[in-house]
Amino acid sequence: MPINLKNINKDWTLFLDRDGVINHEKHKDYIHTWDEFIFMKV
């Protein structure tokens, strides 16, 4: 069943990411806290 986008609550945002797409990849580890997260410049 298709999702009706008009019914989505716009009070929040969900980012689904693979390391190195919207954030700098942490060498041989995962991002565990917001302090470690660095957005990539566009």
PDB file of N, CA and C in Angstrom:
ATOM      1  N   MET A   1       0.843  -1.170   0.000  1.00  0.00           N
ATOM      2  CA  MET A   1       0.000   0.000   0.000  1.00  0.00           C
ATOM      3  C   MET A   1       0.897   1.245   0.000  1.00  0.00           C
ATOM      4  N   PRO A   2       0.693   2.202  -0.902  1.00  0.00           N
ATOM      5  CA  PRO A   2       1.506   3.419  -0.941  1.00  0.00           C
ATOM      6  C   PRO A   2       1.261   4.295   0.289  1.00  0.00           C
ATOM      7  N   ILE A   3       2.290   5.037   0.674  1.00  0.00           N
ATOM      8  CA  ILE A   3       2.181   5.961   1.805  1.00  0.00           C
ATOM      9  C   ILE A   3       1.586   7.273   1.314  1.00  0.00           C
ATOM     10  N   ASN A   4       0.585   7.783   2.038  1.00  0.00           N
ATOM     11  CA  ASN A   4       0.009   9.081   1.720  1.00  0.00           C
ATOM     12  C   ASN A   4       0.870  10.135   2.404  1.00  0.00           C
ATOM     13  N   LEU A   5       1.728  10.834   1.648  1.00  0.00           N
ATOM     14  CA  LEU A   5       2.666  11.791   2.208  1.00  0.00           C
ATOM     15  C   LEU A   5       1.984  12.975   2.877  1.00  0.00           C
ATOM     16  N   LYS A   6       0.729  13.228   2.555  1.00  0.00           N
ATOM     17  CA  LYS A   6       0.000  14.330   3.187  1.00  0.00           C
ATOM     18  C   LYS A   6      -0.306  14.031   4.655  1.00  0.00           C
ATOM     19  N   ASN A   7      -0.245  12.759   5.047  1.00  0.00           N
ATOM     20  CA  ASN A   7      -0.546  12.371   6.425  1.00  0.00           C
ATOM     21  C   ASN A   7       0.680  12.351   7.330  1.00  0.00           C
ATOM     22  N   ILE A   8       1.872  12.620   6.806  1.00  0.00           N
ATOM     23  CA  ILE A   8       3.093  12.567   7.607  1.00  0.00           C
ATOM     24  C   ILE A   8       3.194  13.804   8.490  1.00  0.00           C
ATOM     25  N   ASN A   9       3.442  13.589   9.786  1.00  0.00           N
ATOM     26  CA  ASN A   9       3.638  14.675  10.730  1.00  0.00           C
ATOM     27  C   ASN A   9       5.009  15.303  10.471  1.00  0.00           C
ATOM     28  N   LYS A  10       5.066  16.610  10.211  1.00  0.00           N
ATOM     29  CA  LYS A  10       6.312  17.285   9.847  1.00  0.00           C
ATOM     30  C   LYS A  10       7.017  17.904  11.050  1.00  0.00           C
ATOM     31  N   ASP A  11       6.690  17.456  12.268  1.00  0.00           N
ATOM     32  CA  ASP A  11       7.328  17.978  13.469  1.00  0.00           C
ATOM     33  C   ASP A  11       8.675  17.325  13.774  1.00  0.00           C
ATOM     34  N   TRP A  12       9.058  16.317  13.018  1.00  0.00           N
ATOM     35  CA  TRP A  12      10.318  15.632  13.271  1.00  0.00           C
ATOM     36  C   TRP A  12      10.965  15.227  11.951  1.00  0.00           C
ATOM     37  N   THR A  13      12.222  14.844  12.010  1.00  0.00           N
ATOM     38  CA  THR A  13      12.973  14.423  10.830  1.00  0.00           C
ATOM     39  C   THR A  13      13.730  13.148  11.149  1.00  0.00           C
ATOM     40  N   LEU A  14      13.774  12.252  10.196  1.00  0.00           N
ATOM     41  CA  LEU A  14      14.537  11.023  10.330  1.00  0.00           C
ATOM     42  C   LEU A  14      15.576  10.983   9.219  1.00  0.00           C
ATOM     43  N   PHE A  15      16.853  10.835   9.581  1.00  0.00           N
ATOM     44  CA  PHE A  15      17.922  10.694   8.606  1.00  0.00           C
ATOM     45  C   PHE A  15      18.358   9.233   8.589  1.00  0.00           C
ATOM     46  N   LEU A  16      18.349   8.633   7.429  1.00  0.00           N
ATOM     47  CA  LEU A  16      18.911   7.295   7.246  1.00  0.00           C
ATOM     48  C   LEU A  16      20.187   7.479   6.430  1.00  0.00           C
ATOM     49  N   ASP A  17      21.308   7.033   6.962  1.00  0.00           N
ATOM     50  CA  ASP A  17      22.586   7.340   6.331  1.00  0.00           C
ATOM     51  C   ASP A  17      23.522   6.153   6.391  1.00  0.00           C
ATOM     52  N   ARG A  18      24.328   6.063   5.379  1.00  0.00           N
ATOM     53  CA  ARG A  18      25.483   5.181   5.418  1.00  0.00           C
ATOM     54  C   ARG A  18      26.680   6.080   5.675  1.00  0.00           C
ATOM     55  N   ASP A  19      27.619   5.630   6.478  1.00  0.00           N
ATOM     56  CA  ASP A  19      28.776   6.461   6.802  1.00  0.00           C
ATOM     57  C   ASP A  19      29.441   6.979   5.539  1.00  0.00           C
ATOM     58  N   GLY A  20      29.769   8.275   5.553  1.00  0.00           N
ATOM     59  CA  GLY A  20      30.456   8.884   4.437  1.00  0.00           C
ATOM     60  C   GLY A  20      29.536   9.492   3.402  1.00  0.00           C
ATOM     61  N   VAL A  21      28.219   9.476   3.613  1.00  0.00           N
ATOM     62  CA  VAL A  21      27.281  10.061   2.651  1.00  0.00           C
ATOM     63  C   VAL A  21      26.894  11.472   3.080  1.00  0.00           C
ATOM     64  N   ILE A  22      26.372  11.640   4.306  1.00  0.00           N
ATOM     65  CA  ILE A  22      26.064  12.985   4.794  1.00  0.00           C
ATOM     66  C   ILE A  22      26.969  13.368   5.964  1.00  0.00           C
ATOM     67  N   ASN A  23      27.767  12.417   6.456  1.00  0.00           N
ATOM     68  CA  ASN A  23      28.685  12.712   7.555  1.00  0.00           C
ATOM     69  C   ASN A  23      30.075  12.179   7.237  1.00  0.00           C
ATOM     70  N   HIS A  24      31.068  12.753   7.895  1.00  0.00           N
ATOM     71  CA  HIS A  24      32.431  12.244   7.743  1.00  0.00           C
ATOM     72  C   HIS A  24      32.535  10.886   8.415  1.00  0.00           C
ATOM     73  N   GLU A  25      33.140   9.938   7.717  1.00  0.00           N
ATOM     74  CA  GLU A  25      33.259   8.578   8.231  1.00  0.00           C
ATOM     75  C   GLU A  25      34.297   8.520   9.343  1.00  0.00           C
ATOM     76  N   LYS A  26      33.974   7.821  10.405  1.00  0.00           N
ATOM     77  CA  LYS A  26      34.899   7.615  11.510  1.00  0.00           C
ATOM     78  C   LYS A  26      35.719   6.375  11.203  1.00  0.00           C
ATOM     79  N   HIS A  27      37.037   6.486  11.231  1.00  0.00           N
ATOM     80  CA  HIS A  27      37.938   5.402  10.828  1.00  0.00           C
ATOM     81  C   HIS A  27      37.744   4.151  11.694  1.00  0.00           C
ATOM     82  N   LYS A  28      37.336   3.070  11.052  1.00  0.00           N
ATOM     83  CA  LYS A  28      37.161   1.755  11.679  1.00  0.00           C
ATOM     84  C   LYS A  28      36.246   1.766  12.900  1.00  0.00           C
ATOM     85  N   ASP A  29      35.228   2.614  12.907  1.00  0.00           N
ATOM     86  CA  ASP A  29      34.289   2.661  14.020  1.00  0.00           C
ATOM     87  C   ASP A  29      33.001   3.327  13.556  1.00  0.00           C
ATOM     88  N   TYR A  30      31.994   3.320  14.397  1.00  0.00           N
ATOM     89  CA  TYR A  30      30.716   3.956  14.128  1.00  0.00           C
ATOM     90  C   TYR A  30      30.610   5.261  14.896  1.00  0.00           C
ATOM     91  N   ILE A  31      29.709   6.133  14.445  1.00  0.00           N
ATOM     92  CA  ILE A  31      29.380   7.354  15.172  1.00  0.00           C
ATOM     93  C   ILE A  31      28.442   6.951  16.307  1.00  0.00           C
ATOM     94  N   HIS A  32      28.824   7.268  17.534  1.00  0.00           N
ATOM     95  CA  HIS A  32      28.026   6.868  18.686  1.00  0.00           C
ATOM     96  C   HIS A  32      27.323   8.036  19.369  1.00  0.00           C
ATOM     97  N   THR A  33      27.817   9.269  19.178  1.00  0.00           N
ATOM     98  CA  THR A  33      27.220  10.433  19.827  1.00  0.00           C
ATOM     99  C   THR A  33      27.151  11.588  18.837  1.00  0.00           C
ATOM    100  N   TRP A  34      26.309  12.587  19.143  1.00  0.00           N
ATOM    101  CA  TRP A  34      26.208  13.772  18.287  1.00  0.00           C
ATOM    102  C   TRP A  34      27.536  14.523  18.243  1.00  0.00           C
ATOM    103  N   ASP A  35      28.329  14.470  19.304  1.00  0.00           N
ATOM    104  CA  ASP A  35      29.628  15.154  19.321  1.00  0.00           C
ATOM    105  C   ASP A  35      30.584  14.599  18.267  1.00  0.00           C
ATOM    106  N   GLU A  36      30.411  13.341  17.888  1.00  0.00           N
ATOM    107  CA  GLU A  36      31.263  12.710  16.870  1.00  0.00           C
ATOM    108  C   GLU A  36      30.755  12.956  15.449  1.00  0.00           C
ATOM    109  N   PHE A  37      29.513  13.380  15.308  1.00  0.00           N
ATOM    110  CA  PHE A  37      28.888  13.544  13.992  1.00  0.00           C
ATOM    111  C   PHE A  37      29.305  14.869  13.371  1.00  0.00           C
ATOM    112  N   ILE A  38      29.857  14.813  12.158  1.00  0.00           N
ATOM    113  CA  ILE A  38      30.260  16.022  11.427  1.00  0.00           C
ATOM    114  C   ILE A  38      29.633  15.941  10.029  1.00  0.00           C
ATOM    115  N   PHE A  39      28.734  16.897   9.700  1.00  0.00           N
ATOM    116  CA  PHE A  39      28.109  16.914   8.378  1.00  0.00           C
ATOM    117  C   PHE A  39      29.147  17.153   7.287  1.00  0.00           C
ATOM    118  N   MET A  40      28.970  16.516   6.125  1.00  0.00           N
ATOM    119  CA  MET A  40      29.798  16.778   4.948  1.00  0.00           C
ATOM    120  C   MET A  40      29.405  18.137   4.375  1.00  0.00           C
ATOM    121  N   LYS A  41      30.359  18.889   3.888  1.00  0.00           N
ATOM    122  CA  LYS A  41      30.055  20.144   3.220  1.00  0.00           C
ATOM    123  C   LYS A  41      29.626  19.845   1.788  1.00  0.00           C
ATOM    124  N   VAL A  42      28.651  20.603   1.290  1.00  0.00           N
ATOM    125  CA  VAL A  42      28.159  20.380  -0.071  1.00  0.00           C
ATOM    126  C   VAL A  42      28.760  21.362  -1.035  1.00  0.00           C
TER     127      VAL A  42
END
